[in-house]
Amino acid sequence: MDFRENKLEIRRIADFLLQGRIGEANSRWNNLLGNLAGFMRGLDETSQQKALVVLKNILNQQQTQDWVAMSDALNYELLPFLESS
């Protein structure tokens, strides 16, 4: 999956969360994490640390089942980070 496809998938996941399609969103998110791990390996250490903070926040929201916050974090934290890296 290339960078553009990853961005589209992140937007799709965020939309699914807001639509209440939680199972599908979580499944897609778990699949996407592998792609993001590969992307992060190519970043410098400072950028990796920033990415870990964003991802940790999103995973915490997933664990607490705060779907609206997770959707917002995907759209307004993860996507801007990926676009700036």
PDB file of N, CA and C in Angstrom:
ATOM      1  N   MET A   1       0.857  -1.172   0.000  1.00  0.00           N
ATOM      2  CA  MET A   1       0.000   0.000   0.000  1.00  0.00           C
ATOM      3  C   MET A   1       0.906   1.238   0.000  1.00  0.00           C
ATOM      4  N   ASP A   2       0.702   2.128  -0.950  1.00  0.00           N
ATOM      5  CA  ASP A   2       1.546   3.312  -1.024  1.00  0.00           C
ATOM      6  C   ASP A   2       1.016   4.413  -0.092  1.00  0.00           C
ATOM      7  N   PHE A   3       1.763   5.498  -0.031  1.00  0.00           N
ATOM      8  CA  PHE A   3       1.449   6.587   0.900  1.00  0.00           C
ATOM      9  C   PHE A   3       0.038   7.136   0.669  1.00  0.00           C
ATOM     10  N   ARG A   4      -0.322   7.350  -0.603  1.00  0.00           N
ATOM     11  CA  ARG A   4      -1.653   7.895  -0.914  1.00  0.00           C
ATOM     12  C   ARG A   4      -2.749   6.930  -0.456  1.00  0.00           C
ATOM     13  N   GLU A   5      -2.527   5.644  -0.682  1.00  0.00           N
ATOM     14  CA  GLU A   5      -3.511   4.647  -0.255  1.00  0.00           C
ATOM     15  C   GLU A   5      -3.616   4.594   1.266  1.00  0.00           C
ATOM     16  N   ASN A   6      -2.476   4.754   1.963  1.00  0.00           N
ATOM     17  CA  ASN A   6      -2.502   4.792   3.427  1.00  0.00           C
ATOM     18  C   ASN A   6      -3.337   5.966   3.924  1.00  0.00           C
ATOM     19  N   LYS A   7      -3.164   7.126   3.310  1.00  0.00           N
ATOM     20  CA  LYS A   7      -3.943   8.304   3.708  1.00  0.00           C
ATOM     21  C   LYS A   7      -5.433   8.065   3.499  1.00  0.00           C
ATOM     22  N   LEU A   8      -5.788   7.478   2.363  1.00  0.00           N
ATOM     23  CA  LEU A   8      -7.197   7.178   2.095  1.00  0.00           C
ATOM     24  C   LEU A   8      -7.743   6.174   3.106  1.00  0.00           C
ATOM     25  N   GLU A   9      -6.938   5.191   3.439  1.00  0.00           N
ATOM     26  CA  GLU A   9      -7.370   4.179   4.405  1.00  0.00           C
ATOM     27  C   GLU A   9      -7.565   4.793   5.788  1.00  0.00           C
ATOM     28  N   ILE A  10      -6.701   5.704   6.188  1.00  0.00           N
ATOM     29  CA  ILE A  10      -6.853   6.381   7.480  1.00  0.00           C
ATOM     30  C   ILE A  10      -8.154   7.175   7.504  1.00  0.00           C
ATOM     31  N   ARG A  11      -8.440   7.875   6.430  1.00  0.00           N
ATOM     32  CA  ARG A  11      -9.710   8.628   6.358  1.00  0.00           C
ATOM     33  C   ARG A  11     -10.909   7.683   6.416  1.00  0.00           C
ATOM     34  N   ARG A  12     -10.810   6.552   5.724  1.00  0.00           N
ATOM     35  CA  ARG A  12     -11.879   5.550   5.732  1.00  0.00           C
ATOM     36  C   ARG A  12     -12.109   5.028   7.151  1.00  0.00           C
ATOM     37  N   ILE A  13     -11.038   4.711   7.836  1.00  0.00           N
ATOM     38  CA  ILE A  13     -11.137   4.205   9.207  1.00  0.00           C
ATOM     39  C   ILE A  13     -11.801   5.244  10.104  1.00  0.00           C
ATOM     40  N   ALA A  14     -11.384   6.490  10.001  1.00  0.00           N
ATOM     41  CA  ALA A  14     -11.975   7.564  10.804  1.00  0.00           C
ATOM     42  C   ALA A  14     -13.473   7.684  10.521  1.00  0.00           C
ATOM     43  N   ASP A  15     -13.853   7.599   9.269  1.00  0.00           N
ATOM     44  CA  ASP A  15     -15.276   7.657   8.915  1.00  0.00           C
ATOM     45  C   ASP A  15     -16.040   6.469   9.482  1.00  0.00           C
ATOM     46  N   PHE A  16     -15.464   5.273   9.380  1.00  0.00           N
ATOM     47  CA  PHE A  16     -16.116   4.076   9.921  1.00  0.00           C
ATOM     48  C   PHE A  16     -16.355   4.219  11.421  1.00  0.00           C
ATOM     49  N   LEU A  17     -15.391   4.787  12.134  1.00  0.00           N
ATOM     50  CA  LEU A  17     -15.560   4.983  13.574  1.00  0.00           C
ATOM     51  C   LEU A  17     -16.763   5.875  13.867  1.00  0.00           C
ATOM     52  N   LEU A  18     -16.901   6.943  13.103  1.00  0.00           N
ATOM     53  CA  LEU A  18     -18.020   7.868  13.322  1.00  0.00           C
ATOM     54  C   LEU A  18     -19.351   7.273  12.884  1.00  0.00           C
ATOM     55  N   GLN A  19     -19.306   6.324  11.955  1.00  0.00           N
ATOM     56  CA  GLN A  19     -20.524   5.661  11.478  1.00  0.00           C
ATOM     57  C   GLN A  19     -20.942   4.497  12.375  1.00  0.00           C
ATOM     58  N   GLY A  20     -20.123   4.191  13.374  1.00  0.00           N
ATOM     59  CA  GLY A  20     -20.433   3.080  14.263  1.00  0.00           C
ATOM     60  C   GLY A  20     -19.996   1.724  13.723  1.00  0.00           C
ATOM     61  N   ARG A  21     -19.204   1.730  12.679  1.00  0.00           N
ATOM     62  CA  ARG A  21     -18.691   0.491  12.082  1.00  0.00           C
ATOM     63  C   ARG A  21     -17.362   0.142  12.758  1.00  0.00           C
ATOM     64  N   ILE A  22     -17.449  -0.102  14.055  1.00  0.00           N
ATOM     65  CA  ILE A  22     -16.272  -0.221  14.913  1.00  0.00           C
ATOM     66  C   ILE A  22     -15.438  -1.452  14.565  1.00  0.00           C
ATOM     67  N   GLY A  23     -16.082  -2.586  14.386  1.00  0.00           N
ATOM     68  CA  GLY A  23     -15.346  -3.808  14.062  1.00  0.00           C
ATOM     69  C   GLY A  23     -14.538  -3.668  12.786  1.00  0.00           C
ATOM     70  N   GLU A  24     -15.169  -3.113  11.773  1.00  0.00           N
ATOM     71  CA  GLU A  24     -14.475  -2.914  10.493  1.00  0.00           C
ATOM     72  C   GLU A  24     -13.345  -1.899  10.641  1.00  0.00           C
ATOM     73  N   ALA A  25     -13.613  -0.827  11.385  1.00  0.00           N
ATOM     74  CA  ALA A  25     -12.576   0.198  11.591  1.00  0.00           C
ATOM     75  C   ALA A  25     -11.376  -0.392  12.334  1.00  0.00           C
ATOM     76  N   ASN A  26     -11.642  -1.146  13.394  1.00  0.00           N
ATOM     77  CA  ASN A  26     -10.543  -1.730  14.168  1.00  0.00           C
ATOM     78  C   ASN A  26      -9.749  -2.740  13.351  1.00  0.00           C
ATOM     79  N   SER A  27     -10.431  -3.535  12.572  1.00  0.00           N
ATOM     80  CA  SER A  27      -9.750  -4.515  11.722  1.00  0.00           C
ATOM     81  C   SER A  27      -8.845  -3.816  10.714  1.00  0.00           C
ATOM     82  N   ARG A  28      -9.360  -2.791  10.057  1.00  0.00           N
ATOM     83  CA  ARG A  28      -8.568  -2.038   9.085  1.00  0.00           C
ATOM     84  C   ARG A  28      -7.400  -1.316   9.762  1.00  0.00           C
ATOM     85  N   TRP A  29      -7.643  -0.770  10.948  1.00  0.00           N
ATOM     86  CA  TRP A  29      -6.592  -0.071  11.685  1.00  0.00           C
ATOM     87  C   TRP A  29      -5.459  -1.038  12.027  1.00  0.00           C
ATOM     88  N   ASN A  30      -5.820  -2.223  12.513  1.00  0.00           N
ATOM     89  CA  ASN A  30      -4.788  -3.212  12.864  1.00  0.00           C
ATOM     90  C   ASN A  30      -3.979  -3.613  11.636  1.00  0.00           C
ATOM     91  N   ASN A  31      -4.608  -3.736  10.489  1.00  0.00           N
ATOM     92  CA  ASN A  31      -3.881  -4.051   9.256  1.00  0.00           C
ATOM     93  C   ASN A  31      -2.967  -2.896   8.838  1.00  0.00           C
ATOM     94  N   LEU A  32      -3.441  -1.681   9.018  1.00  0.00           N
ATOM     95  CA  LEU A  32      -2.672  -0.498   8.621  1.00  0.00           C
ATOM     96  C   LEU A  32      -1.437  -0.294   9.494  1.00  0.00           C
ATOM     97  N   LEU A  33      -1.491  -0.738  10.730  1.00  0.00           N
ATOM     98  CA  LEU A  33      -0.352  -0.539  11.636  1.00  0.00           C
ATOM     99  C   LEU A  33       0.935  -1.147  11.084  1.00  0.00           C
ATOM    100  N   GLY A  34       0.832  -2.256  10.389  1.00  0.00           N
ATOM    101  CA  GLY A  34       2.022  -2.855   9.774  1.00  0.00           C
ATOM    102  C   GLY A  34       2.641  -1.937   8.742  1.00  0.00           C
ATOM    103  N   ASN A  35       1.811  -1.303   7.927  1.00  0.00           N
ATOM    104  CA  ASN A  35       2.317  -0.352   6.936  1.00  0.00           C
ATOM    105  C   ASN A  35       2.959   0.856   7.612  1.00  0.00           C
ATOM    106  N   LEU A  36       2.333   1.325   8.677  1.00  0.00           N
ATOM    107  CA  LEU A  36       2.879   2.490   9.378  1.00  0.00           C
ATOM    108  C   LEU A  36       4.216   2.156  10.037  1.00  0.00           C
ATOM    109  N   ALA A  37       4.354   0.936  10.542  1.00  0.00           N
ATOM    110  CA  ALA A  37       5.625   0.525  11.152  1.00  0.00           C
ATOM    111  C   ALA A  37       6.742   0.579  10.112  1.00  0.00           C
ATOM    112  N   GLY A  38       6.456   0.108   8.907  1.00  0.00           N
ATOM    113  CA  GLY A  38       7.453   0.170   7.842  1.00  0.00           C
ATOM    114  C   GLY A  38       7.813   1.603   7.487  1.00  0.00           C
ATOM    115  N   PHE A  39       6.820   2.465   7.432  1.00  0.00           N
ATOM    116  CA  PHE A  39       7.045   3.882   7.147  1.00  0.00           C
ATOM    117  C   PHE A  39       7.911   4.517   8.232  1.00  0.00           C
ATOM    118  N   MET A  40       7.623   4.184   9.493  1.00  0.00           N
ATOM    119  CA  MET A  40       8.345   4.791  10.613  1.00  0.00           C
ATOM    120  C   MET A  40       9.812   4.392  10.641  1.00  0.00           C
ATOM    121  N   ARG A  41      10.120   3.192  10.175  1.00  0.00           N
ATOM    122  CA  ARG A  41      11.517   2.760  10.166  1.00  0.00           C
ATOM    123  C   ARG A  41      12.379   3.678   9.298  1.00  0.00           C
ATOM    124  N   GLY A  42      11.767   4.335   8.323  1.00  0.00           N
ATOM    125  CA  GLY A  42      12.513   5.222   7.441  1.00  0.00           C
ATOM    126  C   GLY A  42      12.666   6.637   7.963  1.00  0.00           C
ATOM    127  N   LEU A  43      12.100   6.925   9.127  1.00  0.00           N
ATOM    128  CA  LEU A  43      12.161   8.269   9.703  1.00  0.00           C
ATOM    129  C   LEU A  43      13.386   8.433  10.585  1.00  0.00           C
ATOM    130  N   ASP A  44      13.801   9.682  10.776  1.00  0.00           N
ATOM    131  CA  ASP A  44      14.877   9.949  11.735  1.00  0.00           C
ATOM    132  C   ASP A  44      14.335   9.746  13.154  1.00  0.00           C
ATOM    133  N   GLU A  45      15.233   9.691  14.107  1.00  0.00           N
ATOM    134  CA  GLU A  45      14.849   9.362  15.484  1.00  0.00           C
ATOM    135  C   GLU A  45      13.847  10.349  16.082  1.00  0.00           C
ATOM    136  N   THR A  46      14.031  11.632  15.821  1.00  0.00           N
ATOM    137  CA  THR A  46      13.104  12.643  16.347  1.00  0.00           C
ATOM    138  C   THR A  46      11.702  12.443  15.794  1.00  0.00           C
ATOM    139  N   SER A  47      11.601  12.205  14.501  1.00  0.00           N
ATOM    140  CA  SER A  47      10.295  11.971  13.882  1.00  0.00           C
ATOM    141  C   SER A  47       9.669  10.678  14.383  1.00  0.00           C
ATOM    142  N   GLN A  48      10.489   9.663  14.609  1.00  0.00           N
ATOM    143  CA  GLN A  48       9.975   8.408  15.157  1.00  0.00           C
ATOM    144  C   GLN A  48       9.362   8.637  16.536  1.00  0.00           C
ATOM    145  N   GLN A  49      10.021   9.452  17.351  1.00  0.00           N
ATOM    146  CA  GLN A  49       9.499   9.738  18.685  1.00  0.00           C
ATOM    147  C   GLN A  49       8.164  10.475  18.608  1.00  0.00           C
ATOM    148  N   LYS A  50       8.060  11.416  17.688  1.00  0.00           N
ATOM    149  CA  LYS A  50       6.798  12.143  17.510  1.00  0.00           C
ATOM    150  C   LYS A  50       5.702  11.189  17.048  1.00  0.00           C
ATOM    151  N   ALA A  51       6.041  10.301  16.128  1.00  0.00           N
ATOM    152  CA  ALA A  51       5.070   9.329  15.619  1.00  0.00           C
ATOM    153  C   ALA A  51       4.593   8.415  16.740  1.00  0.00           C
ATOM    154  N   LEU A  52       5.510   8.006  17.610  1.00  0.00           N
ATOM    155  CA  LEU A  52       5.132   7.122  18.713  1.00  0.00           C
ATOM    156  C   LEU A  52       4.146   7.795  19.662  1.00  0.00           C
ATOM    157  N   VAL A  53       4.321   9.081  19.900  1.00  0.00           N
ATOM    158  CA  VAL A  53       3.386   9.812  20.754  1.00  0.00           C
ATOM    159  C   VAL A  53       1.990   9.815  20.126  1.00  0.00           C
ATOM    160  N   VAL A  54       1.916  10.088  18.838  1.00  0.00           N
ATOM    161  CA  VAL A  54       0.627  10.112  18.132  1.00  0.00           C
ATOM    162  C   VAL A  54      -0.007   8.724  18.156  1.00  0.00           C
ATOM    163  N   LEU A  55       0.772   7.700  17.826  1.00  0.00           N
ATOM    164  CA  LEU A  55       0.232   6.339  17.780  1.00  0.00           C
ATOM    165  C   LEU A  55      -0.191   5.852  19.165  1.00  0.00           C
ATOM    166  N   LYS A  56       0.584   6.191  20.180  1.00  0.00           N
ATOM    167  CA  LYS A  56       0.232   5.799  21.548  1.00  0.00           C
ATOM    168  C   LYS A  56      -1.104   6.417  21.948  1.00  0.00           C
ATOM    169  N   ASN A  57      -1.313   7.671  21.584  1.00  0.00           N
ATOM    170  CA  ASN A  57      -2.569   8.360  21.854  1.00  0.00           C
ATOM    171  C   ASN A  57      -3.736   7.635  21.165  1.00  0.00           C
ATOM    172  N   ILE A  58      -3.557   7.297  19.908  1.00  0.00           N
ATOM    173  CA  ILE A  58      -4.616   6.623  19.153  1.00  0.00           C
ATOM    174  C   ILE A  58      -4.905   5.242  19.744  1.00  0.00           C
ATOM    175  N   LEU A  59      -3.867   4.501  20.086  1.00  0.00           N
ATOM    176  CA  LEU A  59      -4.067   3.165  20.664  1.00  0.00           C
ATOM    177  C   LEU A  59      -4.751   3.254  22.023  1.00  0.00           C
ATOM    178  N   ASN A  60      -4.447   4.287  22.796  1.00  0.00           N
ATOM    179  CA  ASN A  60      -5.133   4.488  24.073  1.00  0.00           C
ATOM    180  C   ASN A  60      -6.618   4.760  23.850  1.00  0.00           C
ATOM    181  N   GLN A  61      -6.925   5.575  22.852  1.00  0.00           N
ATOM    182  CA  GLN A  61      -8.328   5.862  22.557  1.00  0.00           C
ATOM    183  C   GLN A  61      -9.050   4.605  22.079  1.00  0.00           C
ATOM    184  N   GLN A  62      -8.345   3.764  21.327  1.00  0.00           N
ATOM    185  CA  GLN A  62      -8.934   2.500  20.892  1.00  0.00           C
ATOM    186  C   GLN A  62      -9.220   1.622  22.111  1.00  0.00           C
ATOM    187  N   GLN A  63      -8.271   1.556  23.026  1.00  0.00           N
ATOM    188  CA  GLN A  63      -8.429   0.721  24.216  1.00  0.00           C
ATOM    189  C   GLN A  63      -9.594   1.193  25.082  1.00  0.00           C
ATOM    190  N   THR A  64      -9.754   2.512  25.210  1.00  0.00           N
ATOM    191  CA  THR A  64     -10.842   3.055  26.031  1.00  0.00           C
ATOM    192  C   THR A  64     -12.148   3.189  25.252  1.00  0.00           C
ATOM    193  N   GLN A  65     -12.106   2.804  23.993  1.00  0.00           N
ATOM    194  CA  GLN A  65     -13.273   2.831  23.103  1.00  0.00           C
ATOM    195  C   GLN A  65     -13.852   4.242  22.947  1.00  0.00           C
ATOM    196  N   ASP A  66     -12.969   5.214  22.880  1.00  0.00           N
ATOM    197  CA  ASP A  66     -13.373   6.598  22.618  1.00  0.00           C
ATOM    198  C   ASP A  66     -13.268   6.815  21.112  1.00  0.00           C
ATOM    199  N   TRP A  67     -14.301   6.385  20.401  1.00  0.00           N
ATOM    200  CA  TRP A  67     -14.260   6.323  18.941  1.00  0.00           C
ATOM    201  C   TRP A  67     -14.221   7.699  18.292  1.00  0.00           C
ATOM    202  N   VAL A  68     -14.907   8.667  18.865  1.00  0.00           N
ATOM    203  CA  VAL A  68     -14.890  10.016  18.291  1.00  0.00           C
ATOM    204  C   VAL A  68     -13.490  10.613  18.425  1.00  0.00           C
ATOM    205  N   ALA A  69     -12.889  10.457  19.593  1.00  0.00           N
ATOM    206  CA  ALA A  69     -11.527  10.978  19.800  1.00  0.00           C
ATOM    207  C   ALA A  69     -10.530  10.251  18.902  1.00  0.00           C
ATOM    208  N   MET A  70     -10.724   8.949  18.727  1.00  0.00           N
ATOM    209  CA  MET A  70      -9.825   8.197  17.849  1.00  0.00           C
ATOM    210  C   MET A  70      -9.951   8.684  16.412  1.00  0.00           C
ATOM    211  N   SER A  71     -11.178   8.910  15.972  1.00  0.00           N
ATOM    212  CA  SER A  71     -11.408   9.428  14.624  1.00  0.00           C
ATOM    213  C   SER A  71     -10.742  10.790  14.450  1.00  0.00           C
ATOM    214  N   ASP A  72     -10.909  11.655  15.442  1.00  0.00           N
ATOM    215  CA  ASP A  72     -10.281  12.986  15.383  1.00  0.00           C
ATOM    216  C   ASP A  72      -8.765  12.881  15.343  1.00  0.00           C
ATOM    217  N   ALA A  73      -8.212  11.991  16.154  1.00  0.00           N
ATOM    218  CA  ALA A  73      -6.754  11.835  16.188  1.00  0.00           C
ATOM    219  C   ALA A  73      -6.225  11.322  14.850  1.00  0.00           C
ATOM    220  N   LEU A  74      -6.957  10.425  14.224  1.00  0.00           N
ATOM    221  CA  LEU A  74      -6.542   9.937  12.908  1.00  0.00           C
ATOM    222  C   LEU A  74      -6.528  11.078  11.897  1.00  0.00           C
ATOM    223  N   ASN A  75      -7.607  11.852  11.887  1.00  0.00           N
ATOM    224  CA  ASN A  75      -7.739  12.938  10.913  1.00  0.00           C
ATOM    225  C   ASN A  75      -6.856  14.142  11.204  1.00  0.00           C
ATOM    226  N   TYR A  76      -6.729  14.511  12.469  1.00  0.00           N
ATOM    227  CA  TYR A  76      -6.112  15.784  12.801  1.00  0.00           C
ATOM    228  C   TYR A  76      -4.745  15.680  13.467  1.00  0.00           C
ATOM    229  N   GLU A  77      -4.305  14.462  13.772  1.00  0.00           N
ATOM    230  CA  GLU A  77      -2.960  14.273  14.318  1.00  0.00           C
ATOM    231  C   GLU A  77      -2.118  13.384  13.402  1.00  0.00           C
ATOM    232  N   LEU A  78      -2.638  12.188  13.099  1.00  0.00           N
ATOM    233  CA  LEU A  78      -1.843  11.250  12.303  1.00  0.00           C
ATOM    234  C   LEU A  78      -1.680  11.717  10.859  1.00  0.00           C
ATOM    235  N   LEU A  79      -2.762  12.085  10.205  1.00  0.00           N
ATOM    236  CA  LEU A  79      -2.642  12.521   8.806  1.00  0.00           C
ATOM    237  C   LEU A  79      -1.712  13.726   8.645  1.00  0.00           C
ATOM    238  N   PRO A  80      -1.862  14.787   9.449  1.00  0.00           N
ATOM    239  CA  PRO A  80      -0.921  15.906   9.307  1.00  0.00           C
ATOM    240  C   PRO A  80       0.528  15.495   9.579  1.00  0.00           C
ATOM    241  N   PHE A  81       0.729  14.595  10.559  1.00  0.00           N
ATOM    242  CA  PHE A  81       2.091  14.138  10.824  1.00  0.00           C
ATOM    243  C   PHE A  81       2.658  13.420   9.599  1.00  0.00           C
ATOM    244  N   LEU A  82       1.888  12.515   9.030  1.00  0.00           N
ATOM    245  CA  LEU A  82       2.367  11.766   7.865  1.00  0.00           C
ATOM    246  C   LEU A  82       2.645  12.682   6.682  1.00  0.00           C
ATOM    247  N   GLU A  83       1.799  13.683   6.491  1.00  0.00           N
ATOM    248  CA  GLU A  83       1.981  14.599   5.368  1.00  0.00           C
ATOM    249  C   GLU A  83       3.213  15.491   5.567  1.00  0.00           C
ATOM    250  N   SER A  84       3.585  15.744   6.817  1.00  0.00           N
ATOM    251  CA  SER A  84       4.740  16.609   7.067  1.00  0.00           C
ATOM    252  C   SER A  84       6.062  15.833   7.134  1.00  0.00           C
ATOM    253  N   SER A  85       5.977  14.519   7.175  1.00  0.00           N
ATOM    254  CA  SER A  85       7.198  13.694   7.315  1.00  0.00           C
ATOM    255  C   SER A  85       7.759  13.285   5.980  1.00  0.00           C
TER     256      SER A  85
END
